[in-house]
Every structure is written in C-alpha cells, then in structure tokens.
Amino acid sequence: MLALLAGVLTSLTPCSLSSVPLVIGYVGGTGNNDPKKAFRLSLTFSAGSAVTFTILGTVSSLVGKLMGTSASWWYLLLGVLMALMALQTWEIYNFIPSTTLIAKNTRRGYIGAFIAGILGGLFSSPCATPVLITLLAIVADKGSLIWGIVLLLLYSIGHSALVIVAGTSIGFVRNMTSNNRYGTFSKGLKFVMGSVILLIAFYMFYLGF
C-alpha cells in the first residue's frame, strides 16, 4: 500500500502534472480538443510507464540476488544513493536533469504515447524519480522477484491515477498548479518525501556499519 501511496504522491508534484498534457497534446496532434482521444492517449501513456516500472522492479530484484545484499558495502552504497535522492527531492542539488528522454520521441498517436510512457517511466521527472529510485533500492535489497514486480506495479497504478486526469484535462492542471494552497502543499510534500528518503539512508548506513 505504501508503494501505491508513493505513486499517487509523486503524481501530485508540479513537474509530473505539468509535463503530461504537453506530451499527450504532442503525440496526439490535437491538444485537448478531443477529451476522449486525450483520455485514451493518457491511458496508453500510463500503460507504457507501467511496463517500464514493472521491468525495473524485476531487474532490481535480480540484481539484488546477484549482488548479495547481506554485504555491508551494499548497504553503504544504498545509503549514499538515498542521501543523494533526498538532496534531489529538496532541490538542494539537481542530480537528475529536468529534460527527459520523452523529448526525443518523434512518434505520434497511440504508439507515440506508449513509447513516451516507456521513456517517461525511466525518468519520471526530477521530483518523482528519487522516490522511484528509492523503491528500486528497497526492491533490490529484498532480492525477491515477486515482491519487486508487485511493488513497482502498485507504484505505477498510483502514479497513473492523476496522470490520466492531467493528460485528459489541461484546464485541471492549470487550475490546480495556479492555486496558492497547491504551491504550499507541493513544498510540504517535497520536504516530507525528502525526509523519508533521508531516514531510509540513515537506516542503510546503520545496517552497513
């Protein structure tokens, strides 16, 4: 359930919400003039992201098994990674670039939306990717294939919920992001997510030492 909640929360961040209508409008070639088509394209985009998230979860689980997660250096490595992701979430230092692979996608229509979703799953956004990487690290630490697939699948479902709405209605995104309360909420959300990631980093360091 925490993975599902993490997916929903990361979809609420400004950089996640604002990018989706642009992608859907581009691959559809019609903007938001056709809500039904925009909805189908958003759904296809989300399906592409779900495929990527599930594959990442599977790979992380297999990597965890191969690396031998009981070694102290493994926990120290994860701790450093989590600390870096906390700094990214707080926007103290940007390790993840704001430009994504989605911009390189030249295909239109449903195939274009699916490809954009796959690419977007790799680098969700500068503010959503740290949470995704944290989940992948947890999956790798467990080293369980089923656990990895289920966890990332739940994350993708949660992340897609608001993404579909955002891709269907650009007015929804504008109204939400222009609200002062949303700005305050967004800052608070980033602080909380960064704090949780940093706590996980400390826990990893504890296990490593």
Protein backbone atom coordinates (compact mmCIF):
# COMPACT_ATOMS: atom_id res chain seq x y z
CA MET A 1 0.00 0.00 0.00
CA LEU A 2 2.94 2.34 0.65
CA ALA A 3 4.09 1.87 -2.95
CA LEU A 4 0.60 2.75 -4.17
CA LEU A 5 0.57 5.85 -1.97
CA ALA A 6 4.05 6.82 -3.17
CA GLY A 7 2.82 6.63 -6.75
CA VAL A 8 -0.13 8.91 -6.00
CA LEU A 9 2.01 11.43 -4.11
CA THR A 10 4.67 11.65 -6.83
CA SER A 11 1.97 12.26 -9.43
CA LEU A 12 0.89 15.32 -7.40
CA THR A 13 4.22 17.11 -7.86
CA PRO A 14 4.24 20.06 -10.32
CA CYS A 15 6.85 18.62 -12.66
CA SER A 16 4.83 15.41 -13.02
CA LEU A 17 1.48 17.10 -13.57
CA SER A 18 2.56 19.84 -15.97
CA SER A 19 4.53 17.64 -18.36
CA VAL A 20 1.80 15.09 -19.12
CA PRO A 21 -0.67 17.38 -21.02
CA LEU A 22 2.23 18.61 -23.16
CA VAL A 23 3.21 15.05 -24.07
CA ILE A 24 -0.37 13.98 -24.77
CA GLY A 25 -1.01 17.09 -26.88
CA TYR A 26 2.17 16.46 -28.86
CA VAL A 27 1.71 12.76 -29.61
CA GLY A 28 -2.00 13.25 -30.30
CA GLY A 29 -1.51 16.27 -32.51
CA THR A 30 -4.82 17.69 -31.29
CA GLY A 31 -4.00 19.11 -27.85
CA ASN A 32 -7.05 18.70 -25.65
CA ASN A 33 -9.70 19.41 -28.29
CA ASP A 34 -10.85 15.80 -28.14
CA PRO A 35 -11.16 14.73 -24.46
CA LYS A 36 -11.96 11.11 -25.37
CA LYS A 37 -8.85 10.78 -27.51
CA ALA A 38 -6.77 12.55 -24.87
CA PHE A 39 -8.08 10.07 -22.27
CA ARG A 40 -7.15 7.08 -24.46
CA LEU A 41 -3.70 8.55 -25.15
CA SER A 42 -3.19 9.20 -21.42
CA LEU A 43 -4.20 5.61 -20.67
CA THR A 44 -1.74 4.35 -23.29
CA PHE A 45 0.97 6.61 -21.84
CA SER A 46 0.30 5.16 -18.38
CA ALA A 47 0.43 1.60 -19.75
CA GLY A 48 3.88 2.32 -21.20
CA SER A 49 5.06 3.65 -17.83
CA ALA A 50 3.64 0.57 -16.08
CA VAL A 51 5.65 -1.71 -18.39
CA THR A 52 8.86 0.19 -17.57
CA PHE A 53 8.19 0.24 -13.82
CA THR A 54 7.48 -3.50 -13.78
CA ILE A 55 10.64 -4.29 -15.76
CA LEU A 56 12.70 -2.06 -13.45
CA GLY A 57 11.27 -3.88 -10.44
CA THR A 58 12.14 -7.26 -11.96
CA VAL A 59 15.70 -6.19 -12.86
CA SER A 60 16.27 -4.67 -9.41
CA SER A 61 15.18 -7.90 -7.73
CA LEU A 62 17.55 -9.96 -9.89
CA VAL A 63 20.41 -7.52 -9.26
CA GLY A 64 19.78 -7.78 -5.51
CA LYS A 65 20.06 -11.57 -5.72
CA LEU A 66 23.28 -11.44 -7.75
CA MET A 67 24.99 -8.78 -5.62
CA GLY A 68 24.39 -10.49 -2.30
CA THR A 69 22.51 -7.92 -0.24
CA SER A 70 23.93 -9.06 3.10
CA ALA A 71 27.30 -7.36 2.43
CA SER A 72 27.95 -4.17 4.40
CA TRP A 73 29.24 -2.30 1.33
CA TRP A 74 25.88 -2.87 -0.34
CA TYR A 75 24.02 -1.03 2.44
CA LEU A 76 26.57 1.79 2.41
CA LEU A 77 26.12 2.16 -1.35
CA LEU A 78 22.34 2.28 -0.97
CA GLY A 79 22.72 4.81 1.86
CA VAL A 80 24.77 7.16 -0.31
CA LEU A 81 22.25 6.78 -3.14
CA MET A 82 19.34 7.56 -0.83
CA ALA A 83 21.12 10.63 0.58
CA LEU A 84 21.66 11.94 -2.96
CA MET A 85 18.00 11.35 -3.78
CA ALA A 86 16.95 13.28 -0.65
CA LEU A 87 19.02 16.26 -1.84
CA GLN A 88 17.36 15.98 -5.27
CA THR A 89 13.90 15.93 -3.73
CA TRP A 90 14.69 19.05 -1.68
CA GLU A 91 16.16 20.65 -4.83
CA ILE A 92 19.40 21.41 -2.96
CA TYR A 93 21.32 19.86 -5.83
CA ASN A 94 19.90 18.51 -9.09
CA PHE A 95 21.49 15.19 -9.98
CA ILE A 96 18.61 14.34 -12.32
CA PRO A 97 18.26 16.72 -15.31
CA SER A 98 14.94 18.46 -15.94
CA THR A 99 14.94 17.39 -19.59
CA THR A 100 13.79 13.83 -20.19
CA LEU A 101 14.09 11.20 -22.87
CA ILE A 102 10.46 11.88 -23.79
CA ALA A 103 11.55 14.87 -25.89
CA LYS A 104 13.42 12.51 -28.23
CA ASN A 105 10.27 10.59 -29.10
CA THR A 106 9.13 11.52 -32.62
CA ARG A 107 6.27 9.04 -32.99
CA ARG A 108 2.67 10.24 -32.87
CA GLY A 109 -0.62 8.58 -31.97
CA TYR A 110 -1.01 5.63 -29.62
CA ILE A 111 2.38 4.15 -30.47
CA GLY A 112 3.96 7.51 -29.70
CA ALA A 113 2.06 7.73 -26.40
CA PHE A 114 3.15 4.21 -25.42
CA ILE A 115 6.81 4.95 -26.27
CA ALA A 116 6.59 8.25 -24.36
CA GLY A 117 5.21 6.33 -21.38
CA ILE A 118 8.07 3.82 -21.52
CA LEU A 119 10.66 6.61 -21.71
CA GLY A 120 8.85 8.61 -19.03
CA GLY A 121 8.99 5.57 -16.77
CA LEU A 122 12.79 5.66 -16.91
CA PHE A 123 12.98 9.30 -15.86
CA SER A 124 9.54 10.16 -14.48
CA SER A 125 10.57 13.70 -13.54
CA PRO A 126 13.24 15.37 -11.41
CA CYS A 127 10.89 15.27 -8.40
CA ALA A 128 9.35 11.82 -8.93
CA THR A 129 12.45 9.86 -9.93
CA PRO A 130 14.09 9.99 -6.44
CA VAL A 131 11.09 8.15 -4.98
CA LEU A 132 11.22 5.62 -7.81
CA ILE A 133 14.94 5.01 -7.26
CA THR A 134 14.30 4.59 -3.52
CA LEU A 135 11.67 1.93 -4.24
CA LEU A 136 14.03 0.17 -6.65
CA ALA A 137 16.75 0.15 -3.98
CA ILE A 138 14.33 -1.37 -1.47
CA VAL A 139 13.31 -3.99 -4.04
CA ALA A 140 16.96 -4.81 -4.76
CA ASP A 141 17.65 -5.12 -1.05
CA LYS A 142 14.85 -7.67 -0.65
CA GLY A 143 16.00 -9.64 -3.70
CA SER A 144 12.53 -11.11 -4.23
CA LEU A 145 11.27 -11.27 -7.82
CA ILE A 146 7.56 -11.38 -6.93
CA TRP A 147 8.00 -8.58 -4.39
CA GLY A 148 9.72 -6.41 -7.00
CA ILE A 149 7.03 -6.90 -9.62
CA VAL A 150 4.14 -6.29 -7.21
CA LEU A 151 5.74 -3.24 -5.56
CA LEU A 152 6.52 -1.44 -8.83
CA LEU A 153 3.18 -2.43 -10.34
CA LEU A 154 1.39 -0.83 -7.36
CA TYR A 155 3.57 2.26 -7.74
CA SER A 156 2.68 2.53 -11.43
CA ILE A 157 -1.05 2.25 -10.67
CA GLY A 158 -0.83 5.01 -8.08
CA HIS A 159 1.31 7.21 -10.32
CA SER A 160 -1.05 6.77 -13.27
CA ALA A 161 -4.25 7.79 -11.45
CA LEU A 162 -3.71 11.55 -11.58
CA VAL A 163 -1.58 11.36 -14.73
CA ILE A 164 -4.61 10.15 -16.70
CA VAL A 165 -6.72 13.03 -15.37
CA ALA A 166 -3.94 15.53 -16.11
CA GLY A 167 -3.48 14.25 -19.64
CA THR A 168 -7.20 14.48 -20.31
CA SER A 169 -7.79 17.98 -18.95
CA ILE A 170 -5.18 20.71 -19.30
CA GLY A 171 -7.63 23.03 -17.51
CA PHE A 172 -7.43 20.78 -14.46
CA VAL A 173 -3.65 21.12 -14.41
CA ARG A 174 -3.74 24.91 -14.81
CA ASN A 175 -6.32 25.38 -12.07
CA MET A 176 -4.51 23.07 -9.69
CA THR A 177 -0.97 24.37 -10.20
CA SER A 178 -2.03 28.03 -10.06
CA ASN A 179 -3.67 27.56 -6.67
CA ASN A 180 -1.63 29.05 -3.79
CA ARG A 181 -2.62 26.21 -1.49
CA TYR A 182 -1.28 23.72 -4.02
CA GLY A 183 2.07 25.52 -4.02
CA THR A 184 2.29 25.26 -0.25
CA PHE A 185 1.19 21.63 -0.34
CA SER A 186 3.78 20.83 -3.01
CA LYS A 187 6.61 22.31 -0.95
CA GLY A 188 5.47 20.40 2.12
CA LEU A 189 5.18 17.19 0.11
CA LYS A 190 8.73 17.53 -1.20
CA PHE A 191 10.03 18.14 2.33
CA VAL A 192 8.24 15.07 3.69
CA MET A 193 9.33 12.81 0.82
CA GLY A 194 12.93 14.01 1.12
CA SER A 195 12.88 13.44 4.89
CA VAL A 196 11.55 9.89 4.48
CA ILE A 197 14.24 9.10 1.89
CA LEU A 198 16.94 10.52 4.20
CA LEU A 199 15.67 8.36 7.08
CA ILE A 200 15.97 5.33 4.81
CA ALA A 201 19.53 6.45 4.01
CA PHE A 202 20.38 6.58 7.73
CA TYR A 203 18.88 3.12 8.20
CA MET A 204 21.02 1.78 5.36
CA PHE A 205 24.13 3.34 6.93
CA TYR A 206 23.14 1.71 10.24
CA LEU A 207 22.92 -1.70 8.56
CA GLY A 208 26.22 -1.10 6.79
CA PHE A 209 28.14 -0.24 9.93
